PDB file of N, CA and C in Angstrom:
ATOM      1  N   MET A   1     107.831 -37.167  70.472  1.00  0.00           N
ATOM      2  CA  MET A   1     106.523 -37.725  70.155  1.00  0.00           C
ATOM      3  C   MET A   1     106.523 -38.324  68.743  1.00  0.00           C
ATOM      4  N   LYS A   2     107.235 -37.677  67.817  1.00  0.00           N
ATOM      5  CA  LYS A   2     107.213 -38.142  66.432  1.00  0.00           C
ATOM      6  C   LYS A   2     107.747 -39.571  66.306  1.00  0.00           C
ATOM      7  N   GLN A   3     108.792 -39.897  67.051  1.00  0.00           N
ATOM      8  CA  GLN A   3     109.349 -41.255  66.984  1.00  0.00           C
ATOM      9  C   GLN A   3     108.348 -42.291  67.497  1.00  0.00           C
ATOM     10  N   ASP A   4     107.615 -41.936  68.549  1.00  0.00           N
ATOM     11  CA  ASP A   4     106.591 -42.845  69.075  1.00  0.00           C
ATOM     12  C   ASP A   4     105.487 -43.069  68.044  1.00  0.00           C
ATOM     13  N   ILE A   5     105.093 -41.998  67.382  1.00  0.00           N
ATOM     14  CA  ILE A   5     104.057 -42.095  66.350  1.00  0.00           C
ATOM     15  C   ILE A   5     104.540 -42.980  65.205  1.00  0.00           C
ATOM     16  N   GLU A   6     105.788 -42.783  64.795  1.00  0.00           N
ATOM     17  CA  GLU A   6     106.337 -43.591  63.702  1.00  0.00           C
ATOM     18  C   GLU A   6     106.362 -45.079  64.054  1.00  0.00           C
ATOM     19  N   LYS A   7     106.649 -45.404  65.314  1.00  0.00           N
ATOM     20  CA  LYS A   7     106.644 -46.811  65.745  1.00  0.00           C
ATOM     21  C   LYS A   7     105.250 -47.421  65.631  1.00  0.00           C
ATOM     22  N   ILE A   8     104.257 -46.670  66.080  1.00  0.00           N
ATOM     23  CA  ILE A   8     102.879 -47.168  66.029  1.00  0.00           C
ATOM     24  C   ILE A   8     102.424 -47.312  64.579  1.00  0.00           C
ATOM     25  N   ILE A   9     102.760 -46.333  63.753  1.00  0.00           N
ATOM     26  CA  ILE A   9     102.394 -46.400  62.338  1.00  0.00           C
ATOM     27  C   ILE A   9     103.061 -47.604  61.674  1.00  0.00           C
ATOM     28  N   LYS A  10     104.276 -47.902  62.063  1.00  0.00           N
ATOM     29  CA  LYS A  10     104.960 -49.081  61.516  1.00  0.00           C
ATOM     30  C   LYS A  10     104.163 -50.348  61.828  1.00  0.00           C
ATOM     31  N   ASN A  11     103.607 -50.428  63.037  1.00  0.00           N
ATOM     32  CA  ASN A  11     102.787 -51.584  63.416  1.00  0.00           C
ATOM     33  C   ASN A  11     101.459 -51.611  62.662  1.00  0.00           C
ATOM     34  N   ILE A  12     100.867 -50.453  62.458  1.00  0.00           N
ATOM     35  CA  ILE A  12      99.595 -50.336  61.740  1.00  0.00           C
ATOM     36  C   ILE A  12      99.773 -50.672  60.262  1.00  0.00           C
ATOM     37  N   ARG A  13     100.906 -50.295  59.730  1.00  0.00           N
ATOM     38  CA  ARG A  13     101.178 -50.436  58.294  1.00  0.00           C
ATOM     39  C   ARG A  13     100.905 -51.857  57.783  1.00  0.00           C
ATOM     40  N   GLY A  14     101.262 -52.867  58.547  1.00  0.00           N
ATOM     41  CA  GLY A  14     101.063 -54.252  58.111  1.00  0.00           C
ATOM     42  C   GLY A  14      99.610 -54.569  57.802  1.00  0.00           C
ATOM     43  N   ALA A  15      98.709 -54.099  58.640  1.00  0.00           N
ATOM     44  CA  ALA A  15      97.278 -54.346  58.415  1.00  0.00           C
ATOM     45  C   ALA A  15      96.792 -53.624  57.161  1.00  0.00           C
ATOM     46  N   LEU A  16      97.273 -52.414  56.950  1.00  0.00           N
ATOM     47  CA  LEU A  16      96.865 -51.660  55.764  1.00  0.00           C
ATOM     48  C   LEU A  16      97.440 -52.288  54.494  1.00  0.00           C
ATOM     49  N   GLN A  17      98.686 -52.726  54.567  1.00  0.00           N
ATOM     50  CA  GLN A  17      99.318 -53.349  53.402  1.00  0.00           C
ATOM     51  C   GLN A  17      98.651 -54.671  53.041  1.00  0.00           C
ATOM     52  N   ALA A  18      98.107 -55.357  54.015  1.00  0.00           N
ATOM     53  CA  ALA A  18      97.396 -56.613  53.744  1.00  0.00           C
ATOM     54  C   ALA A  18      96.186 -56.387  52.846  1.00  0.00           C
ATOM     55  N   ASP A  19      95.636 -55.169  52.885  1.00  0.00           N
ATOM     56  CA  ASP A  19      94.495 -54.814  52.036  1.00  0.00           C
ATOM     57  C   ASP A  19      94.911 -53.981  50.828  1.00  0.00           C
ATOM     58  N   GLY A  20      96.211 -53.916  50.555  1.00  0.00           N
ATOM     59  CA  GLY A  20      96.692 -53.186  49.383  1.00  0.00           C
ATOM     60  C   GLY A  20      96.923 -51.706  49.613  1.00  0.00           C
ATOM     61  N   GLY A  21      96.904 -51.276  50.864  1.00  0.00           N
ATOM     62  CA  GLY A  21      97.099 -49.865  51.171  1.00  0.00           C
ATOM     63  C   GLY A  21      98.402 -49.614  51.892  1.00  0.00           C
ATOM     64  N   ASP A  22      98.583 -48.382  52.308  1.00  0.00           N
ATOM     65  CA  ASP A  22      99.766 -48.000  53.075  1.00  0.00           C
ATOM     66  C   ASP A  22      99.481 -46.655  53.731  1.00  0.00           C
ATOM     67  N   ILE A  23     100.392 -46.244  54.604  1.00  0.00           N
ATOM     68  CA  ILE A  23     100.245 -44.982  55.319  1.00  0.00           C
ATOM     69  C   ILE A  23     101.621 -44.354  55.471  1.00  0.00           C
ATOM     70  N   GLU A  24     101.664 -43.031  55.373  1.00  0.00           N
ATOM     71  CA  GLU A  24     102.912 -42.293  55.546  1.00  0.00           C
ATOM     72  C   GLU A  24     102.667 -41.141  56.511  1.00  0.00           C
ATOM     73  N   LEU A  25     103.545 -40.993  57.489  1.00  0.00           N
ATOM     74  CA  LEU A  25     103.472 -39.863  58.409  1.00  0.00           C
ATOM     75  C   LEU A  25     104.010 -38.632  57.694  1.00  0.00           C
ATOM     76  N   ILE A  26     103.211 -37.577  57.644  1.00  0.00           N
ATOM     77  CA  ILE A  26     103.604 -36.344  56.968  1.00  0.00           C
ATOM     78  C   ILE A  26     104.094 -35.307  57.968  1.00  0.00           C
ATOM     79  N   GLU A  27     103.308 -35.094  59.038  1.00  0.00           N
ATOM     80  CA  GLU A  27     103.644 -34.028  59.980  1.00  0.00           C
ATOM     81  C   GLU A  27     102.946 -34.260  61.309  1.00  0.00           C
ATOM     82  N   VAL A  28     103.577 -33.780  62.363  1.00  0.00           N
ATOM     83  CA  VAL A  28     102.953 -33.729  63.683  1.00  0.00           C
ATOM     84  C   VAL A  28     103.022 -32.275  64.116  1.00  0.00           C
ATOM     85  N   THR A  29     101.861 -31.655  64.314  1.00  0.00           N
ATOM     86  CA  THR A  29     101.846 -30.245  64.689  1.00  0.00           C
ATOM     87  C   THR A  29     102.061 -30.085  66.191  1.00  0.00           C
ATOM     88  N   ASP A  30     102.400 -28.872  66.588  1.00  0.00           N
ATOM     89  CA  ASP A  30     102.637 -28.581  68.003  1.00  0.00           C
ATOM     90  C   ASP A  30     101.386 -28.761  68.854  1.00  0.00           C
ATOM     91  N   ASP A  31     100.215 -28.638  68.230  1.00  0.00           N
ATOM     92  CA  ASP A  31      98.968 -28.774  68.994  1.00  0.00           C
ATOM     93  C   ASP A  31      98.383 -30.188  68.941  1.00  0.00           C
ATOM     94  N   GLY A  32      99.187 -31.184  68.511  1.00  0.00           N
ATOM     95  CA  GLY A  32      98.762 -32.575  68.605  1.00  0.00           C
ATOM     96  C   GLY A  32      97.979 -33.125  67.441  1.00  0.00           C
ATOM     97  N   VAL A  33      98.058 -32.472  66.289  1.00  0.00           N
ATOM     98  CA  VAL A  33      97.395 -32.986  65.094  1.00  0.00           C
ATOM     99  C   VAL A  33      98.417 -33.779  64.285  1.00  0.00           C
ATOM    100  N   VAL A  34      98.065 -35.010  63.972  1.00  0.00           N
ATOM    101  CA  VAL A  34      98.936 -35.883  63.188  1.00  0.00           C
ATOM    102  C   VAL A  34      98.399 -35.900  61.760  1.00  0.00           C
ATOM    103  N   LYS A  35      99.263 -35.545  60.818  1.00  0.00           N
ATOM    104  CA  LYS A  35      98.880 -35.531  59.406  1.00  0.00           C
ATOM    105  C   LYS A  35      99.529 -36.719  58.721  1.00  0.00           C
ATOM    106  N   VAL A  36      98.701 -37.515  58.063  1.00  0.00           N
ATOM    107  CA  VAL A  36      99.182 -38.707  57.370  1.00  0.00           C
ATOM    108  C   VAL A  36      98.668 -38.709  55.933  1.00  0.00           C
ATOM    109  N   ALA A  37      99.327 -39.493  55.106  1.00  0.00           N
ATOM    110  CA  ALA A  37      98.854 -39.730  53.745  1.00  0.00           C
ATOM    111  C   ALA A  37      98.509 -41.205  53.632  1.00  0.00           C
ATOM    112  N   LEU A  38      97.276 -41.481  53.253  1.00  0.00           N
ATOM    113  CA  LEU A  38      96.869 -42.853  52.970  1.00  0.00           C
ATOM    114  C   LEU A  38      97.211 -43.132  51.516  1.00  0.00           C
ATOM    115  N   LYS A  39      97.813 -44.281  51.264  1.00  0.00           N
ATOM    116  CA  LYS A  39      98.301 -44.590  49.923  1.00  0.00           C
ATOM    117  C   LYS A  39      97.754 -45.919  49.437  1.00  0.00           C
ATOM    118  N   GLY A  40      98.010 -46.195  48.164  1.00  0.00           N
ATOM    119  CA  GLY A  40      97.564 -47.447  47.570  1.00  0.00           C
ATOM    120  C   GLY A  40      96.050 -47.546  47.587  1.00  0.00           C
ATOM    121  N   ALA A  41      95.549 -48.719  47.898  1.00  0.00           N
ATOM    122  CA  ALA A  41      94.103 -48.945  47.916  1.00  0.00           C
ATOM    123  C   ALA A  41      93.403 -48.051  48.937  1.00  0.00           C
ATOM    124  N   CYS A  42      94.094 -47.681  49.996  1.00  0.00           N
ATOM    125  CA  CYS A  42      93.492 -46.840  51.037  1.00  0.00           C
ATOM    126  C   CYS A  42      93.222 -45.415  50.553  1.00  0.00           C
ATOM    127  N   ALA A  43      93.975 -44.961  49.565  1.00  0.00           N
ATOM    128  CA  ALA A  43      93.846 -43.580  49.103  1.00  0.00           C
ATOM    129  C   ALA A  43      92.474 -43.290  48.509  1.00  0.00           C
ATOM    130  N   HIS A  44      91.865 -44.271  47.880  1.00  0.00           N
ATOM    131  CA  HIS A  44      90.591 -44.041  47.191  1.00  0.00           C
ATOM    132  C   HIS A  44      89.456 -44.910  47.715  1.00  0.00           C
ATOM    133  N   CYS A  45      89.701 -45.606  48.787  1.00  0.00           N
ATOM    134  CA  CYS A  45      88.699 -46.506  49.344  1.00  0.00           C
ATOM    135  C   CYS A  45      87.590 -45.705  50.037  1.00  0.00           C
ATOM    136  N   PRO A  46      86.333 -46.069  49.810  1.00  0.00           N
ATOM    137  CA  PRO A  46      85.244 -45.363  50.489  1.00  0.00           C
ATOM    138  C   PRO A  46      85.264 -45.556  52.010  1.00  0.00           C
ATOM    139  N   MET A  47      85.970 -46.562  52.476  1.00  0.00           N
ATOM    140  CA  MET A  47      86.060 -46.818  53.916  1.00  0.00           C
ATOM    141  C   MET A  47      87.270 -46.133  54.554  1.00  0.00           C
ATOM    142  N   SER A  48      88.007 -45.340  53.793  1.00  0.00           N
ATOM    143  CA  SER A  48      89.246 -44.755  54.306  1.00  0.00           C
ATOM    144  C   SER A  48      89.009 -43.840  55.505  1.00  0.00           C
ATOM    145  N   THR A  49      87.890 -43.135  55.537  1.00  0.00           N
ATOM    146  CA  THR A  49      87.602 -42.266  56.681  1.00  0.00           C
ATOM    147  C   THR A  49      87.418 -43.094  57.946  1.00  0.00           C
ATOM    148  N   LEU A  50      86.707 -44.204  57.827  1.00  0.00           N
ATOM    149  CA  LEU A  50      86.532 -45.086  58.983  1.00  0.00           C
ATOM    150  C   LEU A  50      87.858 -45.701  59.414  1.00  0.00           C
ATOM    151  N   THR A  51      88.663 -46.100  58.454  1.00  0.00           N
ATOM    152  CA  THR A  51      89.983 -46.653  58.764  1.00  0.00           C
ATOM    153  C   THR A  51      90.822 -45.620  59.492  1.00  0.00           C
ATOM    154  N   LEU A  52      90.794 -44.398  58.999  1.00  0.00           N
ATOM    155  CA  LEU A  52      91.589 -43.329  59.596  1.00  0.00           C
ATOM    156  C   LEU A  52      91.148 -43.053  61.028  1.00  0.00           C
ATOM    157  N   LYS A  53      89.870 -42.908  61.258  1.00  0.00           N
ATOM    158  CA  LYS A  53      89.369 -42.527  62.585  1.00  0.00           C
ATOM    159  C   LYS A  53      89.294 -43.712  63.553  1.00  0.00           C
ATOM    160  N   ASN A  54      88.750 -44.831  63.096  1.00  0.00           N
ATOM    161  CA  ASN A  54      88.507 -45.961  64.002  1.00  0.00           C
ATOM    162  C   ASN A  54      89.707 -46.873  64.193  1.00  0.00           C
ATOM    163  N   PHE A  55      90.675 -46.796  63.312  1.00  0.00           N
ATOM    164  CA  PHE A  55      91.842 -47.673  63.436  1.00  0.00           C
ATOM    165  C   PHE A  55      93.112 -46.858  63.707  1.00  0.00           C
ATOM    166  N   VAL A  56      93.449 -45.970  62.800  1.00  0.00           N
ATOM    167  CA  VAL A  56      94.703 -45.216  62.935  1.00  0.00           C
ATOM    168  C   VAL A  56      94.629 -44.250  64.115  1.00  0.00           C
ATOM    169  N   GLU A  57      93.627 -43.374  64.118  1.00  0.00           N
ATOM    170  CA  GLU A  57      93.521 -42.376  65.186  1.00  0.00           C
ATOM    171  C   GLU A  57      93.354 -43.042  66.551  1.00  0.00           C
ATOM    172  N   LYS A  58      92.511 -44.037  66.627  1.00  0.00           N
ATOM    173  CA  LYS A  58      92.273 -44.725  67.902  1.00  0.00           C
ATOM    174  C   LYS A  58      93.557 -45.383  68.417  1.00  0.00           C
ATOM    175  N   SER A  59      94.300 -46.037  67.530  1.00  0.00           N
ATOM    176  CA  SER A  59      95.557 -46.683  67.923  1.00  0.00           C
ATOM    177  C   SER A  59      96.557 -45.666  68.453  1.00  0.00           C
ATOM    178  N   LEU A  60      96.677 -44.542  67.764  1.00  0.00           N
ATOM    179  CA  LEU A  60      97.628 -43.513  68.190  1.00  0.00           C
ATOM    180  C   LEU A  60      97.202 -42.858  69.502  1.00  0.00           C
ATOM    181  N   LYS A  61      95.928 -42.523  69.625  1.00  0.00           N
ATOM    182  CA  LYS A  61      95.441 -41.875  70.850  1.00  0.00           C
ATOM    183  C   LYS A  61      95.558 -42.790  72.068  1.00  0.00           C
ATOM    184  N   ASN A  62      95.372 -44.086  71.878  1.00  0.00           N
ATOM    185  CA  ASN A  62      95.494 -45.025  72.993  1.00  0.00           C
ATOM    186  C   ASN A  62      96.909 -45.075  73.541  1.00  0.00           C
ATOM    187  N   GLU A  63      97.890 -44.867  72.688  1.00  0.00           N
ATOM    188  CA  GLU A  63      99.291 -44.965  73.089  1.00  0.00           C
ATOM    189  C   GLU A  63      99.922 -43.620  73.440  1.00  0.00           C
ATOM    190  N   ILE A  64      99.430 -42.542  72.826  1.00  0.00           N
ATOM    191  CA  ILE A  64     100.046 -41.223  73.001  1.00  0.00           C
ATOM    192  C   ILE A  64      98.954 -40.217  73.373  1.00  0.00           C
ATOM    193  N   PRO A  65      98.863 -39.863  74.644  1.00  0.00           N
ATOM    194  CA  PRO A  65      97.775 -39.001  75.114  1.00  0.00           C
ATOM    195  C   PRO A  65      97.748 -37.599  74.501  1.00  0.00           C
ATOM    196  N   GLY A  66      98.862 -37.086  74.020  1.00  0.00           N
ATOM    197  CA  GLY A  66      98.907 -35.722  73.496  1.00  0.00           C
ATOM    198  C   GLY A  66      98.309 -35.540  72.119  1.00  0.00           C
ATOM    199  N   ILE A  67      97.859 -36.616  71.505  1.00  0.00           N
ATOM    200  CA  ILE A  67      97.309 -36.520  70.152  1.00  0.00           C
ATOM    201  C   ILE A  67      95.846 -36.104  70.219  1.00  0.00           C
ATOM    202  N   LYS A  68      95.522 -35.033  69.482  1.00  0.00           N
ATOM    203  CA  LYS A  68      94.140 -34.548  69.430  1.00  0.00           C
ATOM    204  C   LYS A  68      93.362 -35.181  68.287  1.00  0.00           C
ATOM    205  N   GLU A  69      94.032 -35.292  67.129  1.00  0.00           N
ATOM    206  CA  GLU A  69      93.319 -35.703  65.926  1.00  0.00           C
ATOM    207  C   GLU A  69      94.323 -36.243  64.908  1.00  0.00           C
ATOM    208  N   VAL A  70      93.840 -37.131  64.048  1.00  0.00           N
ATOM    209  CA  VAL A  70      94.632 -37.614  62.920  1.00  0.00           C
ATOM    210  C   VAL A  70      93.858 -37.253  61.658  1.00  0.00           C
ATOM    211  N   ILE A  71      94.538 -36.584  60.733  1.00  0.00           N
ATOM    212  CA  ILE A  71      93.882 -36.187  59.487  1.00  0.00           C
ATOM    213  C   ILE A  71      94.686 -36.680  58.292  1.00  0.00           C
ATOM    214  N   SER A  72      93.983 -36.911  57.207  1.00  0.00           N
ATOM    215  CA  SER A  72      94.612 -37.334  55.960  1.00  0.00           C
ATOM    216  C   SER A  72      94.846 -36.108  55.092  1.00  0.00           C
ATOM    217  N   VAL A  73      96.038 -36.019  54.545  1.00  0.00           N
ATOM    218  CA  VAL A  73      96.374 -34.876  53.680  1.00  0.00           C
ATOM    219  C   VAL A  73      96.758 -35.350  52.296  1.00  0.00           C
TER     220      VAL A  73
END
């Protein structure tokens, strides 16, 4: 599952980098929680929660059914 997540994050990364941000996969737990670090402009952006839930989490859940949640650490 981790390799699939990394592929999707690689695709997402371009959109985040276009706005001065980035994303790093930190951990995937056994119960389907994906932990990521938002970096650059995304780390302190007031819209980062929306980006995380409406863009990152939605993209991952659409492709990988076993994902329960994506959280920023």
